[in-house]
Amino acid sequence: MTKVEVRNGNVEQALSVFKNNLAKNNVPSEIKKRKNYVKPGDKKRAAKEAGIKKAQKANKKSSGYRSFNSSYKKPSNATPNAKPASEKAVE
């Protein structure tokens, strides 16, 4: 159990120190986890999905996806509905 000493009647500071101590010991996250029962299969499923997401994110970063797309620039002389020169000559 966490104990905090109140000094000079300063309860607000003692409460602040108490909350920080609880947060350091992961008490709020433990309470949140234990609030509802989660079946073992659901835990495994959530862990698997989190792992897949994490792997996809790491793979996306390592492939340079963002840097490739940001460096690509469309040619300035390209128009959206222009036909190639070879088709214009045929008409």
PDB file of N, CA and C in Angstrom:
ATOM      1  N   MET A   1       0.846  -1.178   0.000  1.00  0.00           N
ATOM      2  CA  MET A   1       0.000   0.000   0.000  1.00  0.00           C
ATOM      3  C   MET A   1       0.889   1.239   0.000  1.00  0.00           C
ATOM      4  N   THR A   2       0.498   2.221  -0.722  1.00  0.00           N
ATOM      5  CA  THR A   2       1.260   3.465  -0.829  1.00  0.00           C
ATOM      6  C   THR A   2       0.893   4.392   0.314  1.00  0.00           C
ATOM      7  N   LYS A   3       1.923   4.914   0.959  1.00  0.00           N
ATOM      8  CA  LYS A   3       1.694   5.857   2.055  1.00  0.00           C
ATOM      9  C   LYS A   3       2.343   7.183   1.702  1.00  0.00           C
ATOM     10  N   VAL A   4       1.663   8.274   2.053  1.00  0.00           N
ATOM     11  CA  VAL A   4       2.173   9.616   1.794  1.00  0.00           C
ATOM     12  C   VAL A   4       2.040  10.432   3.071  1.00  0.00           C
ATOM     13  N   GLU A   5       3.083  11.141   3.409  1.00  0.00           N
ATOM     14  CA  GLU A   5       3.080  11.970   4.612  1.00  0.00           C
ATOM     15  C   GLU A   5       2.599  13.378   4.260  1.00  0.00           C
ATOM     16  N   VAL A   6       1.640  13.888   5.045  1.00  0.00           N
ATOM     17  CA  VAL A   6       1.136  15.242   4.835  1.00  0.00           C
ATOM     18  C   VAL A   6       2.019  16.187   5.656  1.00  0.00           C
ATOM     19  N   ARG A   7       2.657  17.115   4.984  1.00  0.00           N
ATOM     20  CA  ARG A   7       3.570  18.046   5.652  1.00  0.00           C
ATOM     21  C   ARG A   7       2.937  19.429   5.741  1.00  0.00           C
ATOM     22  N   ASN A   8       3.015  20.034   6.896  1.00  0.00           N
ATOM     23  CA  ASN A   8       2.523  21.392   7.141  1.00  0.00           C
ATOM     24  C   ASN A   8       1.060  21.576   6.740  1.00  0.00           C
ATOM     25  N   GLY A   9       0.281  20.535   6.835  1.00  0.00           N
ATOM     26  CA  GLY A   9      -1.139  20.638   6.521  1.00  0.00           C
ATOM     27  C   GLY A   9      -1.429  20.810   5.033  1.00  0.00           C
ATOM     28  N   ASN A  10      -0.451  20.557   4.175  1.00  0.00           N
ATOM     29  CA  ASN A  10      -0.618  20.730   2.732  1.00  0.00           C
ATOM     30  C   ASN A  10      -1.175  19.430   2.131  1.00  0.00           C
ATOM     31  N   VAL A  11      -2.490  19.308   2.179  1.00  0.00           N
ATOM     32  CA  VAL A  11      -3.154  18.091   1.719  1.00  0.00           C
ATOM     33  C   VAL A  11      -3.114  17.992   0.194  1.00  0.00           C
ATOM     34  N   GLU A  12      -3.219  19.107  -0.502  1.00  0.00           N
ATOM     35  CA  GLU A  12      -3.238  19.098  -1.969  1.00  0.00           C
ATOM     36  C   GLU A  12      -1.941  18.529  -2.530  1.00  0.00           C
ATOM     37  N   GLN A  13      -0.815  18.932  -1.956  1.00  0.00           N
ATOM     38  CA  GLN A  13       0.472  18.426  -2.434  1.00  0.00           C
ATOM     39  C   GLN A  13       0.587  16.935  -2.110  1.00  0.00           C
ATOM     40  N   ALA A  14       0.133  16.533  -0.926  1.00  0.00           N
ATOM     41  CA  ALA A  14       0.182  15.125  -0.542  1.00  0.00           C
ATOM     42  C   ALA A  14      -0.674  14.281  -1.491  1.00  0.00           C
ATOM     43  N   LEU A  15      -1.844  14.803  -1.865  1.00  0.00           N
ATOM     44  CA  LEU A  15      -2.715  14.090  -2.796  1.00  0.00           C
ATOM     45  C   LEU A  15      -2.050  13.965  -4.165  1.00  0.00           C
ATOM     46  N   SER A  16      -1.395  15.021  -4.589  1.00  0.00           N
ATOM     47  CA  SER A  16      -0.688  14.999  -5.863  1.00  0.00           C
ATOM     48  C   SER A  16       0.425  13.957  -5.853  1.00  0.00           C
ATOM     49  N   VAL A  17       1.191  13.917  -4.767  1.00  0.00           N
ATOM     50  CA  VAL A  17       2.276  12.932  -4.640  1.00  0.00           C
ATOM     51  C   VAL A  17       1.697  11.515  -4.625  1.00  0.00           C
ATOM     52  N   PHE A  18       0.570  11.336  -3.926  1.00  0.00           N
ATOM     53  CA  PHE A  18      -0.082  10.034  -3.857  1.00  0.00           C
ATOM     54  C   PHE A  18      -0.522   9.563  -5.246  1.00  0.00           C
ATOM     55  N   LYS A  19      -1.126  10.446  -6.024  1.00  0.00           N
ATOM     56  CA  LYS A  19      -1.566  10.085  -7.377  1.00  0.00           C
ATOM     57  C   LYS A  19      -0.388   9.721  -8.267  1.00  0.00           C
ATOM     58  N   ASN A  20       0.712  10.482  -8.139  1.00  0.00           N
ATOM     59  CA  ASN A  20       1.905  10.166  -8.925  1.00  0.00           C
ATOM     60  C   ASN A  20       2.467   8.803  -8.553  1.00  0.00           C
ATOM     61  N   ASN A  21       2.475   8.482  -7.251  1.00  0.00           N
ATOM     62  CA  ASN A  21       2.969   7.177  -6.811  1.00  0.00           C
ATOM     63  C   ASN A  21       2.099   6.054  -7.364  1.00  0.00           C
ATOM     64  N   LEU A  22       0.784   6.249  -7.364  1.00  0.00           N
ATOM     65  CA  LEU A  22      -0.111   5.242  -7.924  1.00  0.00           C
ATOM     66  C   LEU A  22       0.146   5.045  -9.419  1.00  0.00           C
ATOM     67  N   ALA A  23       0.336   6.141 -10.124  1.00  0.00           N
ATOM     68  CA  ALA A  23       0.572   6.060 -11.568  1.00  0.00           C
ATOM     69  C   ALA A  23       1.882   5.338 -11.867  1.00  0.00           C
ATOM     70  N   LYS A  24       2.907   5.566 -11.044  1.00  0.00           N
ATOM     71  CA  LYS A  24       4.207   4.896 -11.241  1.00  0.00           C
ATOM     72  C   LYS A  24       4.081   3.391 -11.041  1.00  0.00           C
ATOM     73  N   ASN A  25       3.178   2.979 -10.154  1.00  0.00           N
ATOM     74  CA  ASN A  25       2.988   1.556  -9.866  1.00  0.00           C
ATOM     75  C   ASN A  25       1.938   0.906 -10.762  1.00  0.00           C
ATOM     76  N   ASN A  26       1.487   1.610 -11.795  1.00  0.00           N
ATOM     77  CA  ASN A  26       0.510   1.102 -12.777  1.00  0.00           C
ATOM     78  C   ASN A  26      -0.817   0.683 -12.144  1.00  0.00           C
ATOM     79  N   VAL A  27      -1.203   1.302 -11.072  1.00  0.00           N
ATOM     80  CA  VAL A  27      -2.462   0.958 -10.410  1.00  0.00           C
ATOM     81  C   VAL A  27      -3.666   1.309 -11.285  1.00  0.00           C
ATOM     82  N   PRO A  28      -3.725   2.503 -11.902  1.00  0.00           N
ATOM     83  CA  PRO A  28      -4.906   2.813 -12.737  1.00  0.00           C
ATOM     84  C   PRO A  28      -5.082   1.835 -13.898  1.00  0.00           C
ATOM     85  N   SER A  29      -3.993   1.425 -14.535  1.00  0.00           N
ATOM     86  CA  SER A  29      -4.124   0.493 -15.657  1.00  0.00           C
ATOM     87  C   SER A  29      -4.555  -0.889 -15.176  1.00  0.00           C
ATOM     88  N   GLU A  30      -4.089  -1.305 -13.981  1.00  0.00           N
ATOM     89  CA  GLU A  30      -4.516  -2.575 -13.412  1.00  0.00           C
ATOM     90  C   GLU A  30      -6.014  -2.551 -13.106  1.00  0.00           C
ATOM     91  N   ILE A  31      -6.481  -1.454 -12.554  1.00  0.00           N
ATOM     92  CA  ILE A  31      -7.911  -1.332 -12.246  1.00  0.00           C
ATOM     93  C   ILE A  31      -8.722  -1.397 -13.532  1.00  0.00           C
ATOM     94  N   LYS A  32      -8.243  -0.726 -14.563  1.00  0.00           N
ATOM     95  CA  LYS A  32      -8.944  -0.718 -15.845  1.00  0.00           C
ATOM     96  C   LYS A  32      -8.988  -2.128 -16.447  1.00  0.00           C
ATOM     97  N   LYS A  33      -7.871  -2.858 -16.344  1.00  0.00           N
ATOM     98  CA  LYS A  33      -7.818  -4.214 -16.884  1.00  0.00           C
ATOM     99  C   LYS A  33      -8.746  -5.160 -16.140  1.00  0.00           C
ATOM    100  N   ARG A  34      -8.835  -5.019 -14.835  1.00  0.00           N
ATOM    101  CA  ARG A  34      -9.608  -5.943 -14.019  1.00  0.00           C
ATOM    102  C   ARG A  34     -11.076  -5.553 -13.885  1.00  0.00           C
ATOM    103  N   LYS A  35     -11.459  -4.448 -14.492  1.00  0.00           N
ATOM    104  CA  LYS A  35     -12.840  -3.990 -14.383  1.00  0.00           C
ATOM    105  C   LYS A  35     -13.807  -5.016 -14.977  1.00  0.00           C
ATOM    106  N   ASN A  36     -13.467  -5.557 -16.144  1.00  0.00           N
ATOM    107  CA  ASN A  36     -14.283  -6.566 -16.806  1.00  0.00           C
ATOM    108  C   ASN A  36     -13.438  -7.795 -17.076  1.00  0.00           C
ATOM    109  N   TYR A  37     -14.049  -8.968 -16.978  1.00  0.00           N
ATOM    110  CA  TYR A  37     -13.350 -10.211 -17.266  1.00  0.00           C
ATOM    111  C   TYR A  37     -13.204 -10.370 -18.772  1.00  0.00           C
ATOM    112  N   VAL A  38     -12.001 -10.766 -19.188  1.00  0.00           N
ATOM    113  CA  VAL A  38     -11.740 -11.014 -20.599  1.00  0.00           C
ATOM    114  C   VAL A  38     -11.353 -12.481 -20.739  1.00  0.00           C
ATOM    115  N   LYS A  39     -12.047 -13.179 -21.604  1.00  0.00           N
ATOM    116  CA  LYS A  39     -11.773 -14.596 -21.803  1.00  0.00           C
ATOM    117  C   LYS A  39     -10.355 -14.789 -22.342  1.00  0.00           C
ATOM    118  N   PRO A  40      -9.725 -15.917 -22.025  1.00  0.00           N
ATOM    119  CA  PRO A  40      -8.366 -16.177 -22.516  1.00  0.00           C
ATOM    120  C   PRO A  40      -8.267 -16.146 -24.038  1.00  0.00           C
ATOM    121  N   GLY A  41      -9.272 -16.666 -24.715  1.00  0.00           N
ATOM    122  CA  GLY A  41      -9.253 -16.652 -26.179  1.00  0.00           C
ATOM    123  C   GLY A  41      -9.311 -15.241 -26.736  1.00  0.00           C
ATOM    124  N   ASP A  42     -10.089 -14.380 -26.078  1.00  0.00           N
ATOM    125  CA  ASP A  42     -10.176 -12.983 -26.508  1.00  0.00           C
ATOM    126  C   ASP A  42      -8.855 -12.264 -26.286  1.00  0.00           C
ATOM    127  N   LYS A  43      -8.175 -12.604 -25.178  1.00  0.00           N
ATOM    128  CA  LYS A  43      -6.856 -12.009 -24.921  1.00  0.00           C
ATOM    129  C   LYS A  43      -5.871 -12.391 -26.021  1.00  0.00           C
ATOM    130  N   LYS A  44      -5.873 -13.680 -26.377  1.00  0.00           N
ATOM    131  CA  LYS A  44      -4.960 -14.164 -27.422  1.00  0.00           C
ATOM    132  C   LYS A  44      -5.269 -13.492 -28.753  1.00  0.00           C
ATOM    133  N   ARG A  45      -6.557 -13.383 -29.061  1.00  0.00           N
ATOM    134  CA  ARG A  45      -6.975 -12.779 -30.324  1.00  0.00           C
ATOM    135  C   ARG A  45      -6.534 -11.321 -30.393  1.00  0.00           C
ATOM    136  N   ALA A  46      -6.730 -10.595 -29.292  1.00  0.00           N
ATOM    137  CA  ALA A  46      -6.331  -9.186 -29.259  1.00  0.00           C
ATOM    138  C   ALA A  46      -4.820  -9.045 -29.375  1.00  0.00           C
ATOM    139  N   ALA A  47      -4.078  -9.931 -28.700  1.00  0.00           N
ATOM    140  CA  ALA A  47      -2.614  -9.881 -28.777  1.00  0.00           C
ATOM    141  C   ALA A  47      -2.141 -10.181 -30.194  1.00  0.00           C
ATOM    142  N   LYS A  48      -2.774 -11.141 -30.848  1.00  0.00           N
ATOM    143  CA  LYS A  48      -2.402 -11.497 -32.220  1.00  0.00           C
ATOM    144  C   LYS A  48      -2.670 -10.336 -33.175  1.00  0.00           C
ATOM    145  N   GLU A  49      -3.849  -9.708 -33.030  1.00  0.00           N
ATOM    146  CA  GLU A  49      -4.188  -8.573 -33.887  1.00  0.00           C
ATOM    147  C   GLU A  49      -3.229  -7.410 -33.659  1.00  0.00           C
ATOM    148  N   ALA A  50      -2.861  -7.178 -32.401  1.00  0.00           N
ATOM    149  CA  ALA A  50      -1.920  -6.100 -32.098  1.00  0.00           C
ATOM    150  C   ALA A  50      -0.556  -6.392 -32.710  1.00  0.00           C
ATOM    151  N   GLY A  51      -0.129  -7.649 -32.655  1.00  0.00           N
ATOM    152  CA  GLY A  51       1.149  -8.032 -33.242  1.00  0.00           C
ATOM    153  C   GLY A  51       1.162  -7.863 -34.748  1.00  0.00           C
ATOM    154  N   ILE A  52       0.052  -8.227 -35.385  1.00  0.00           N
ATOM    155  CA  ILE A  52      -0.050  -8.078 -36.838  1.00  0.00           C
ATOM    156  C   ILE A  52       0.010  -6.608 -37.214  1.00  0.00           C
ATOM    157  N   LYS A  53      -0.726  -5.773 -36.475  1.00  0.00           N
ATOM    158  CA  LYS A  53      -0.731  -4.333 -36.749  1.00  0.00           C
ATOM    159  C   LYS A  53       0.661  -3.748 -36.583  1.00  0.00           C
ATOM    160  N   LYS A  54       1.348  -4.176 -35.521  1.00  0.00           N
ATOM    161  CA  LYS A  54       2.687  -3.671 -35.240  1.00  0.00           C
ATOM    162  C   LYS A  54       3.660  -4.081 -36.348  1.00  0.00           C
ATOM    163  N   ALA A  55       3.551  -5.323 -36.807  1.00  0.00           N
ATOM    164  CA  ALA A  55       4.423  -5.807 -37.865  1.00  0.00           C
ATOM    165  C   ALA A  55       4.164  -5.062 -39.174  1.00  0.00           C
ATOM    166  N   GLN A  56       2.882  -4.813 -39.482  1.00  0.00           N
ATOM    167  CA  GLN A  56       2.552  -4.081 -40.701  1.00  0.00           C
ATOM    168  C   GLN A  56       3.096  -2.665 -40.650  1.00  0.00           C
ATOM    169  N   LYS A  57       2.996  -2.048 -39.484  1.00  0.00           N
ATOM    170  CA  LYS A  57       3.502  -0.686 -39.331  1.00  0.00           C
ATOM    171  C   LYS A  57       5.016  -0.656 -39.505  1.00  0.00           C
ATOM    172  N   ALA A  58       5.718  -1.619 -38.891  1.00  0.00           N
ATOM    173  CA  ALA A  58       7.177  -1.684 -39.015  1.00  0.00           C
ATOM    174  C   ALA A  58       7.576  -1.961 -40.458  1.00  0.00           C
ATOM    175  N   ASN A  59       6.825  -2.825 -41.132  1.00  0.00           N
ATOM    176  CA  ASN A  59       7.120  -3.155 -42.521  1.00  0.00           C
ATOM    177  C   ASN A  59       6.914  -1.950 -43.422  1.00  0.00           C
ATOM    178  N   LYS A  60       5.880  -1.184 -43.139  1.00  0.00           N
ATOM    179  CA  LYS A  60       5.590   0.008 -43.930  1.00  0.00           C
ATOM    180  C   LYS A  60       6.699   1.045 -43.759  1.00  0.00           C
ATOM    181  N   LYS A  61       7.182   1.193 -42.533  1.00  0.00           N
ATOM    182  CA  LYS A  61       8.256   2.151 -42.270  1.00  0.00           C
ATOM    183  C   LYS A  61       9.550   1.727 -42.951  1.00  0.00           C
ATOM    184  N   SER A  62       9.881   0.437 -42.867  1.00  0.00           N
ATOM    185  CA  SER A  62      11.156  -0.026 -43.401  1.00  0.00           C
ATOM    186  C   SER A  62      11.181  -0.033 -44.921  1.00  0.00           C
ATOM    187  N   SER A  63      10.012  -0.125 -45.557  1.00  0.00           N
ATOM    188  CA  SER A  63       9.981  -0.179 -47.013  1.00  0.00           C
ATOM    189  C   SER A  63      10.182   1.195 -47.646  1.00  0.00           C
ATOM    190  N   GLY A  64      10.160   2.250 -46.846  1.00  0.00           N
ATOM    191  CA  GLY A  64      10.347   3.585 -47.383  1.00  0.00           C
ATOM    192  C   GLY A  64       9.138   4.070 -48.147  1.00  0.00           C
ATOM    193  N   TYR A  65       7.982   3.563 -47.834  1.00  0.00           N
ATOM    194  CA  TYR A  65       6.749   3.885 -48.546  1.00  0.00           C
ATOM    195  C   TYR A  65       6.505   5.383 -48.588  1.00  0.00           C
ATOM    196  N   ARG A  66       6.570   6.031 -47.465  1.00  0.00           N
ATOM    197  CA  ARG A  66       6.252   7.457 -47.384  1.00  0.00           C
ATOM    198  C   ARG A  66       7.287   8.285 -48.139  1.00  0.00           C
ATOM    199  N   SER A  67       8.548   7.953 -47.997  1.00  0.00           N
ATOM    200  CA  SER A  67       9.580   8.755 -48.649  1.00  0.00           C
ATOM    201  C   SER A  67       9.498   8.623 -50.167  1.00  0.00           C
ATOM    202  N   PHE A  68       9.101   7.442 -50.672  1.00  0.00           N
ATOM    203  CA  PHE A  68       8.978   7.254 -52.104  1.00  0.00           C
ATOM    204  C   PHE A  68       7.857   8.123 -52.659  1.00  0.00           C
ATOM    205  N   ASN A  69       6.697   8.092 -52.040  1.00  0.00           N
ATOM    206  CA  ASN A  69       5.560   8.847 -52.546  1.00  0.00           C
ATOM    207  C   ASN A  69       5.755  10.349 -52.415  1.00  0.00           C
ATOM    208  N   SER A  70       6.435  10.791 -51.375  1.00  0.00           N
ATOM    209  CA  SER A  70       6.596  12.226 -51.201  1.00  0.00           C
ATOM    210  C   SER A  70       7.589  12.804 -52.209  1.00  0.00           C
ATOM    211  N   SER A  71       8.518  11.974 -52.712  1.00  0.00           N
ATOM    212  CA  SER A  71       9.508  12.482 -53.653  1.00  0.00           C
ATOM    213  C   SER A  71       9.001  12.421 -55.104  1.00  0.00           C
ATOM    214  N   TYR A  72       7.929  11.665 -55.352  1.00  0.00           N
ATOM    215  CA  TYR A  72       7.404  11.534 -56.700  1.00  0.00           C
ATOM    216  C   TYR A  72       6.636  12.781 -57.087  1.00  0.00           C
ATOM    217  N   LYS A  73       6.946  13.295 -58.282  1.00  0.00           N
ATOM    218  CA  LYS A  73       6.226  14.461 -58.790  1.00  0.00           C
ATOM    219  C   LYS A  73       5.744  14.156 -60.200  1.00  0.00           C
ATOM    220  N   LYS A  74       4.511  14.527 -60.459  1.00  0.00           N
ATOM    221  CA  LYS A  74       3.929  14.320 -61.764  1.00  0.00           C
ATOM    222  C   LYS A  74       4.578  15.287 -62.750  1.00  0.00           C
ATOM    223  N   PRO A  75       4.854  14.853 -63.978  1.00  0.00           N
ATOM    224  CA  PRO A  75       5.431  15.764 -64.969  1.00  0.00           C
ATOM    225  C   PRO A  75       4.519  16.963 -65.193  1.00  0.00           C
ATOM    226  N   SER A  76       5.098  18.136 -65.329  1.00  0.00           N
ATOM    227  CA  SER A  76       4.307  19.359 -65.430  1.00  0.00           C
ATOM    228  C   SER A  76       3.598  19.488 -66.779  1.00  0.00           C
ATOM    229  N   ASN A  77       4.092  18.847 -67.838  1.00  0.00           N
ATOM    230  CA  ASN A  77       3.477  18.990 -69.155  1.00  0.00           C
ATOM    231  C   ASN A  77       2.341  17.997 -69.379  1.00  0.00           C
ATOM    232  N   ALA A  78       2.051  17.127 -68.428  1.00  0.00           N
ATOM    233  CA  ALA A  78       0.992  16.128 -68.581  1.00  0.00           C
ATOM    234  C   ALA A  78      -0.370  16.774 -68.300  1.00  0.00           C
ATOM    235  N   THR A  79      -1.300  16.552 -69.225  1.00  0.00           N
ATOM    236  CA  THR A  79      -2.669  17.017 -69.011  1.00  0.00           C
ATOM    237  C   THR A  79      -3.545  15.792 -68.793  1.00  0.00           C
ATOM    238  N   PRO A  80      -4.616  15.902 -68.056  1.00  0.00           N
ATOM    239  CA  PRO A  80      -5.387  14.718 -67.676  1.00  0.00           C
ATOM    240  C   PRO A  80      -6.042  13.980 -68.844  1.00  0.00           C
ATOM    241  N   ASN A  81      -6.548  14.654 -69.858  1.00  0.00           N
ATOM    242  CA  ASN A  81      -7.264  13.984 -70.943  1.00  0.00           C
ATOM    243  C   ASN A  81      -6.511  14.026 -72.272  1.00  0.00           C
ATOM    244  N   ALA A  82      -5.229  14.259 -72.238  1.00  0.00           N
ATOM    245  CA  ALA A  82      -4.450  14.360 -73.479  1.00  0.00           C
ATOM    246  C   ALA A  82      -4.217  12.974 -74.059  1.00  0.00           C
ATOM    247  N   LYS A  83      -4.291  12.881 -75.381  1.00  0.00           N
ATOM    248  CA  LYS A  83      -4.015  11.622 -76.066  1.00  0.00           C
ATOM    249  C   LYS A  83      -2.541  11.592 -76.465  1.00  0.00           C
ATOM    250  N   PRO A  84      -1.965  10.438 -76.525  1.00  0.00           N
ATOM    251  CA  PRO A  84      -0.557  10.342 -76.973  1.00  0.00           C
ATOM    252  C   PRO A  84      -0.418  10.830 -78.413  1.00  0.00           C
ATOM    253  N   ALA A  85       0.779  11.227 -78.776  1.00  0.00           N
ATOM    254  CA  ALA A  85       1.040  11.785 -80.106  1.00  0.00           C
ATOM    255  C   ALA A  85       0.715  10.788 -81.199  1.00  0.00           C
ATOM    256  N   SER A  86       0.950   9.504 -80.969  1.00  0.00           N
ATOM    257  CA  SER A  86       0.687   8.499 -81.990  1.00  0.00           C
ATOM    258  C   SER A  86      -0.799   8.394 -82.323  1.00  0.00           C
ATOM    259  N   GLU A  87      -1.682   8.570 -81.368  1.00  0.00           N
ATOM    260  CA  GLU A  87      -3.122   8.499 -81.621  1.00  0.00           C
ATOM    261  C   GLU A  87      -3.613   9.743 -82.339  1.00  0.00           C
ATOM    262  N   LYS A  88      -3.020  10.895 -82.063  1.00  0.00           N
ATOM    263  CA  LYS A  88      -3.439  12.131 -82.738  1.00  0.00           C
ATOM    264  C   LYS A  88      -3.147  12.077 -84.225  1.00  0.00           C
ATOM    265  N   ALA A  89      -2.051  11.470 -84.595  1.00  0.00           N
ATOM    266  CA  ALA A  89      -1.667  11.403 -86.003  1.00  0.00           C
ATOM    267  C   ALA A  89      -2.615  10.489 -86.784  1.00  0.00           C
ATOM    268  N   VAL A  90      -3.180   9.463 -86.158  1.00  0.00           N
ATOM    269  CA  VAL A  90      -4.038   8.506 -86.832  1.00  0.00           C
ATOM    270  C   VAL A  90      -5.369   9.127 -87.195  1.00  0.00           C
ATOM    271  N   GLU A  91      -5.880   9.991 -86.374  1.00  0.00           N
ATOM    272  CA  GLU A  91      -7.206  10.564 -86.609  1.00  0.00           C
ATOM    273  C   GLU A  91      -7.221  11.408 -87.778  1.00  0.00           C
TER     274      GLU A  91
END
